[in-house]
Amino acid sequence: MTDIFLSYSHRDHALVDRLEAALGDTGFSVFRDTMLHLGPQWDREIEEALDRAKCVLVVWSKDSVASDEVLNEAFHAQKAGKLIPLKIDDAKLPYQYARANYLELTGKGRELDVAAIARLQDEVRRRIGPGTGSERKAKAKATAAKTDEHRLKQLKSEIAAAKRELKDAQFAGAVLDVRPLIESDVRYALAHASFDYAIAKREIEARYRGARPEYLQMALVALDREWDRNRTK
C-alpha cells in the first residue's frame, strides 16, 4: 500500500516537487506517475496505483483542470472515497468538484503555505490511520535497507553463476560471450556504490585494470546504460 497518490499537471511539476518533499519528510510514502515507464501498460499501472493508495491528492490548477488524465484520476479517487482536493491558483474547478471543500496550498508567488501544509499533513494522517511520520519514515528506511541487501545478494549470485558458465565454456573450448558477466558485474558495482555513478565507475575501472581493453569499454557502456535505466525509474 502507498499512503498518497499525487495527481497533477506536469506543467506544475516544480511546485509538486516541493509538495512531495514536504510530505516525504513527514514520513508519508508518495506515488507519482514519473515512477512508471512509458508503454502500453501505463493506464493499467495508474489504475493499480490509485487502488493501492490510501488517499489521492488532486492538485487543481489552470493546467490540471484541462487535463483528461487528472480528471480521470480525480473521478476514480472520488468514487473510492479517497479524494483530497488541493488548489494552487485561481482556476475554475470542474463542476462536479466545485462544491467540495478544498485546501488552498499556496500564498504569494505560488509558494507553499506552511500552515496549509500542516493542515494537509494532519488530514492525511487522519485518512491513513495510526503511525507517526517518524515511525513511517524509520520503517521505510528499514525496508529500503533490506531491499538493497537482498538486491546485492541477488547480483552476487548472478555474477557467480555467470563466472561458472564462462569457466565451463572455457573448459569446453567454446567461444565466450562475456556480456552477461560484465552486465552483472556492472549492476553489482552500481548497487554497491548506492547508485553513485562516479564511485561505480571508479570501481569498474579498478576491477578491469589489466583486462582486455574491449572488456573495460563494454563495462563502461553497460554502466551508462544501467545508470540511465535506474535514473528514469
Protein backbone atom coordinates (compact mmCIF):
# COMPACT_ATOMS: atom_id res chain seq x y z
CA MET A 1 0.00 0.00 0.00
CA THR A 2 1.02 3.60 -0.68
CA ASP A 3 -0.03 6.46 1.57
CA ILE A 4 -0.51 9.10 -1.14
CA PHE A 5 -1.15 9.22 -4.89
CA LEU A 6 -0.33 12.64 -6.36
CA SER A 7 -2.46 13.71 -9.33
CA TYR A 8 -1.34 16.90 -11.10
CA SER A 9 -0.44 18.57 -14.38
CA HIS A 10 3.20 18.12 -15.36
CA ARG A 11 3.32 21.86 -16.01
CA ASP A 12 3.06 22.28 -12.23
CA HIS A 13 5.91 19.84 -11.55
CA ALA A 14 8.17 22.39 -9.80
CA LEU A 15 5.57 23.10 -7.12
CA VAL A 16 4.56 19.45 -6.89
CA ASP A 17 8.22 18.53 -6.35
CA ARG A 18 8.23 20.77 -3.26
CA LEU A 19 4.91 19.32 -2.10
CA GLU A 20 6.22 15.77 -2.46
CA ALA A 21 9.35 16.67 -0.48
CA ALA A 22 7.25 18.18 2.34
CA LEU A 23 5.09 15.06 2.52
CA GLY A 24 8.04 12.69 2.26
CA ASP A 25 9.89 14.49 5.07
CA THR A 26 6.91 13.76 7.31
CA GLY A 27 7.28 10.05 6.57
CA PHE A 28 4.46 9.50 4.08
CA SER A 29 5.06 7.28 1.06
CA VAL A 30 4.16 9.14 -2.14
CA PHE A 31 3.40 7.82 -5.64
CA ARG A 32 3.76 9.93 -8.81
CA ASP A 33 3.39 8.90 -12.42
CA THR A 34 7.06 9.75 -13.00
CA MET A 35 7.81 6.44 -11.25
CA LEU A 36 6.31 4.50 -14.17
CA HIS A 37 7.83 3.54 -17.52
CA LEU A 38 6.07 4.73 -20.64
CA GLY A 39 4.34 1.98 -22.56
CA PRO A 40 1.12 0.13 -23.26
CA GLN A 41 0.64 -0.81 -19.58
CA TRP A 42 0.55 2.86 -18.44
CA ASP A 43 -3.22 3.13 -17.85
CA ARG A 44 -3.38 -0.20 -16.02
CA GLU A 45 -0.44 0.72 -13.77
CA ILE A 46 -2.00 4.11 -12.96
CA GLU A 47 -5.27 2.42 -12.02
CA GLU A 48 -3.44 -0.10 -9.82
CA ALA A 49 -1.53 2.70 -8.10
CA LEU A 50 -4.79 4.57 -7.44
CA ASP A 51 -6.27 1.41 -5.92
CA ARG A 52 -3.22 0.88 -3.70
CA ALA A 53 -3.13 4.46 -2.39
CA LYS A 54 -4.85 5.28 0.88
CA CYS A 55 -5.63 8.81 -0.30
CA VAL A 56 -5.36 10.76 -3.55
CA LEU A 57 -4.23 14.39 -3.59
CA VAL A 58 -5.51 16.16 -6.69
CA VAL A 59 -3.62 19.40 -7.31
CA TRP A 60 -6.10 21.67 -9.12
CA SER A 61 -4.65 24.43 -11.28
CA LYS A 62 -5.45 26.18 -14.55
CA ASP A 63 -3.45 23.46 -16.29
CA SER A 64 -4.73 20.41 -14.40
CA VAL A 65 -8.42 21.26 -14.88
CA ALA A 66 -7.77 20.88 -18.63
CA SER A 67 -6.03 17.52 -18.25
CA ASP A 68 -8.07 14.42 -19.10
CA GLU A 69 -5.66 12.30 -17.03
CA VAL A 70 -6.15 14.42 -13.91
CA LEU A 71 -9.93 14.46 -14.39
CA ASN A 72 -9.98 10.66 -14.71
CA GLU A 73 -7.81 10.23 -11.62
CA ALA A 74 -10.00 12.65 -9.64
CA PHE A 75 -13.14 10.74 -10.69
CA HIS A 76 -11.58 7.42 -9.65
CA ALA A 77 -10.48 8.89 -6.30
CA GLN A 78 -13.85 10.49 -5.56
CA LYS A 79 -15.68 7.27 -6.36
CA ALA A 80 -13.38 5.38 -3.95
CA GLY A 81 -13.75 8.00 -1.20
CA LYS A 82 -10.03 8.83 -1.31
CA LEU A 83 -10.09 12.34 -2.79
CA ILE A 84 -8.32 15.25 -1.07
CA PRO A 85 -8.62 18.27 -3.39
CA LEU A 86 -5.93 20.96 -3.33
CA LYS A 87 -5.77 24.27 -5.18
CA ILE A 88 -2.68 26.24 -6.19
CA ASP A 89 -4.13 29.10 -8.27
CA ASP A 90 -7.47 30.73 -9.14
CA ALA A 91 -8.52 28.02 -11.60
CA LYS A 92 -12.24 27.41 -12.05
CA LEU A 93 -12.79 23.87 -10.82
CA PRO A 94 -14.76 21.33 -12.86
CA TYR A 95 -18.47 21.42 -12.00
CA GLN A 96 -18.58 18.07 -10.20
CA TYR A 97 -15.73 19.13 -7.85
CA ALA A 98 -16.53 22.84 -7.39
CA ARG A 99 -18.62 22.31 -4.24
CA ALA A 100 -16.07 20.08 -2.50
CA ASN A 101 -14.01 21.51 0.35
CA TYR A 102 -10.52 22.07 -1.00
CA LEU A 103 -7.33 23.34 0.59
CA GLU A 104 -5.55 26.42 -0.75
CA LEU A 105 -1.90 25.36 -0.76
CA THR A 106 -0.12 28.49 -1.93
CA GLY A 107 0.35 32.08 -0.95
CA LYS A 108 2.00 34.90 -2.86
CA GLY A 109 4.23 33.83 -5.73
CA ARG A 110 2.78 30.32 -5.64
CA GLU A 111 4.91 29.43 -2.63
CA LEU A 112 3.64 26.63 -0.45
CA ASP A 113 1.88 27.96 2.64
CA VAL A 114 3.37 26.43 5.81
CA ALA A 115 0.06 26.42 7.69
CA ALA A 116 -1.74 24.82 4.74
CA ILE A 117 0.91 22.08 4.52
CA ALA A 118 0.48 21.37 8.24
CA ARG A 119 -3.30 21.08 7.77
CA LEU A 120 -2.77 18.77 4.81
CA GLN A 121 -0.41 16.55 6.80
CA ASP A 122 -2.99 16.30 9.59
CA GLU A 123 -5.70 15.34 7.10
CA VAL A 124 -3.51 12.69 5.51
CA ARG A 125 -2.72 11.23 8.95
CA ARG A 126 -6.43 11.10 9.69
CA ARG A 127 -7.12 9.28 6.43
CA ILE A 128 -4.32 6.71 6.55
CA GLY A 129 -4.66 5.71 10.19
CA PRO A 130 -2.24 5.32 13.11
CA GLY A 131 1.53 5.66 12.99
CA THR A 132 3.55 8.84 13.27
CA GLY A 133 5.52 10.25 10.40
CA SER A 134 8.82 9.40 12.08
CA GLU A 135 7.69 5.81 12.61
CA ARG A 136 6.69 5.51 8.96
CA LYS A 137 9.96 7.05 7.83
CA ALA A 138 12.01 4.67 10.00
CA LYS A 139 10.03 1.70 8.67
CA ALA A 140 10.52 2.89 5.07
CA LYS A 141 14.29 3.20 5.62
CA ALA A 142 14.47 -0.27 7.17
CA THR A 143 12.50 -1.73 4.26
CA ALA A 144 14.76 0.03 1.74
CA ALA A 145 17.87 -1.28 3.51
CA LYS A 146 16.53 -4.85 3.40
CA THR A 147 15.66 -4.44 -0.28
CA ASP A 148 19.18 -3.16 -1.10
CA GLU A 149 20.77 -6.04 0.84
CA HIS A 150 18.60 -8.56 -0.98
CA ARG A 151 19.44 -6.99 -4.34
CA LEU A 152 23.18 -7.13 -3.63
CA LYS A 153 22.88 -10.83 -2.74
CA GLN A 154 20.99 -11.49 -5.97
CA LEU A 155 23.63 -9.68 -8.03
CA LYS A 156 26.45 -11.59 -6.31
CA SER A 157 24.63 -14.82 -7.14
CA GLU A 158 24.23 -13.73 -10.79
CA ILE A 159 27.94 -12.94 -11.05
CA ALA A 160 28.94 -16.27 -9.52
CA ALA A 161 26.63 -18.14 -11.91
CA ALA A 162 27.97 -16.23 -14.92
CA LYS A 163 31.55 -16.98 -13.89
CA ARG A 164 30.76 -20.68 -13.58
CA GLU A 165 29.21 -20.67 -17.06
CA LEU A 166 32.27 -18.92 -18.51
CA LYS A 167 34.61 -21.37 -16.80
CA ASP A 168 32.64 -24.31 -18.20
CA ALA A 169 32.68 -22.74 -21.66
CA GLN A 170 36.45 -22.17 -21.47
CA PHE A 171 36.99 -25.76 -20.47
CA ALA A 172 34.96 -26.91 -23.46
CA GLY A 173 36.91 -24.62 -25.79
CA ALA A 174 33.78 -22.65 -26.71
CA VAL A 175 33.69 -19.05 -27.93
CA LEU A 176 32.89 -16.96 -24.88
CA ASP A 177 30.26 -14.25 -24.63
CA VAL A 178 31.37 -12.20 -21.64
CA ARG A 179 28.50 -9.73 -21.80
CA PRO A 180 26.28 -11.44 -19.18
CA LEU A 181 29.16 -11.44 -16.70
CA ILE A 182 30.06 -7.82 -17.42
CA GLU A 183 26.45 -6.67 -17.12
CA SER A 184 26.01 -8.48 -13.80
CA ASP A 185 29.32 -7.05 -12.62
CA VAL A 186 28.18 -3.53 -13.53
CA ARG A 187 24.81 -3.90 -11.78
CA TYR A 188 26.58 -5.08 -8.66
CA ALA A 189 29.11 -2.21 -8.76
CA LEU A 190 26.33 0.36 -9.17
CA ALA A 191 24.22 -1.09 -6.35
CA HIS A 192 27.27 -1.46 -4.11
CA ALA A 193 28.06 2.23 -4.71
CA SER A 194 24.48 3.17 -3.68
CA PHE A 195 23.87 4.22 -7.29
CA ASP A 196 26.60 6.87 -7.20
CA TYR A 197 27.81 6.93 -10.82
CA ALA A 198 31.31 8.29 -10.11
CA ILE A 199 32.04 5.71 -7.39
CA ALA A 200 30.70 2.87 -9.53
CA LYS A 201 32.83 3.98 -12.50
CA ARG A 202 35.99 4.03 -10.37
CA GLU A 203 35.17 0.55 -9.07
CA ILE A 204 34.63 -0.77 -12.61
CA GLU A 205 37.89 0.79 -13.88
CA ALA A 206 39.81 -0.73 -10.97
CA ARG A 207 38.15 -4.12 -11.46
CA TYR A 208 39.00 -4.26 -15.19
CA ARG A 209 42.51 -2.84 -14.92
CA GLY A 210 44.77 -5.23 -16.79
CA ALA A 211 41.89 -6.87 -18.65
CA ARG A 212 41.42 -6.66 -22.40
CA PRO A 213 40.61 -3.03 -23.36
CA GLU A 214 37.39 -4.04 -25.09
CA TYR A 215 36.12 -5.59 -21.83
CA LEU A 216 36.58 -2.29 -19.99
CA GLN A 217 34.84 -0.46 -22.84
CA MET A 218 31.91 -2.92 -22.69
CA ALA A 219 31.68 -2.44 -18.92
CA LEU A 220 31.60 1.37 -19.20
CA VAL A 221 28.92 1.20 -21.89
CA ALA A 222 26.90 -1.18 -19.69
CA LEU A 223 27.37 1.20 -16.73
CA ASP A 224 25.98 4.15 -18.73
CA ARG A 225 23.02 2.06 -19.87
CA GLU A 226 22.25 0.78 -16.36
CA TRP A 227 22.65 4.27 -14.89
CA ASP A 228 20.20 5.74 -17.41
CA ARG A 229 17.71 2.93 -16.77
CA ASN A 230 17.73 3.48 -12.98
CA ARG A 231 17.66 7.26 -13.29
CA THR A 232 14.45 7.20 -15.35
CA LYS A 233 12.59 4.91 -12.99
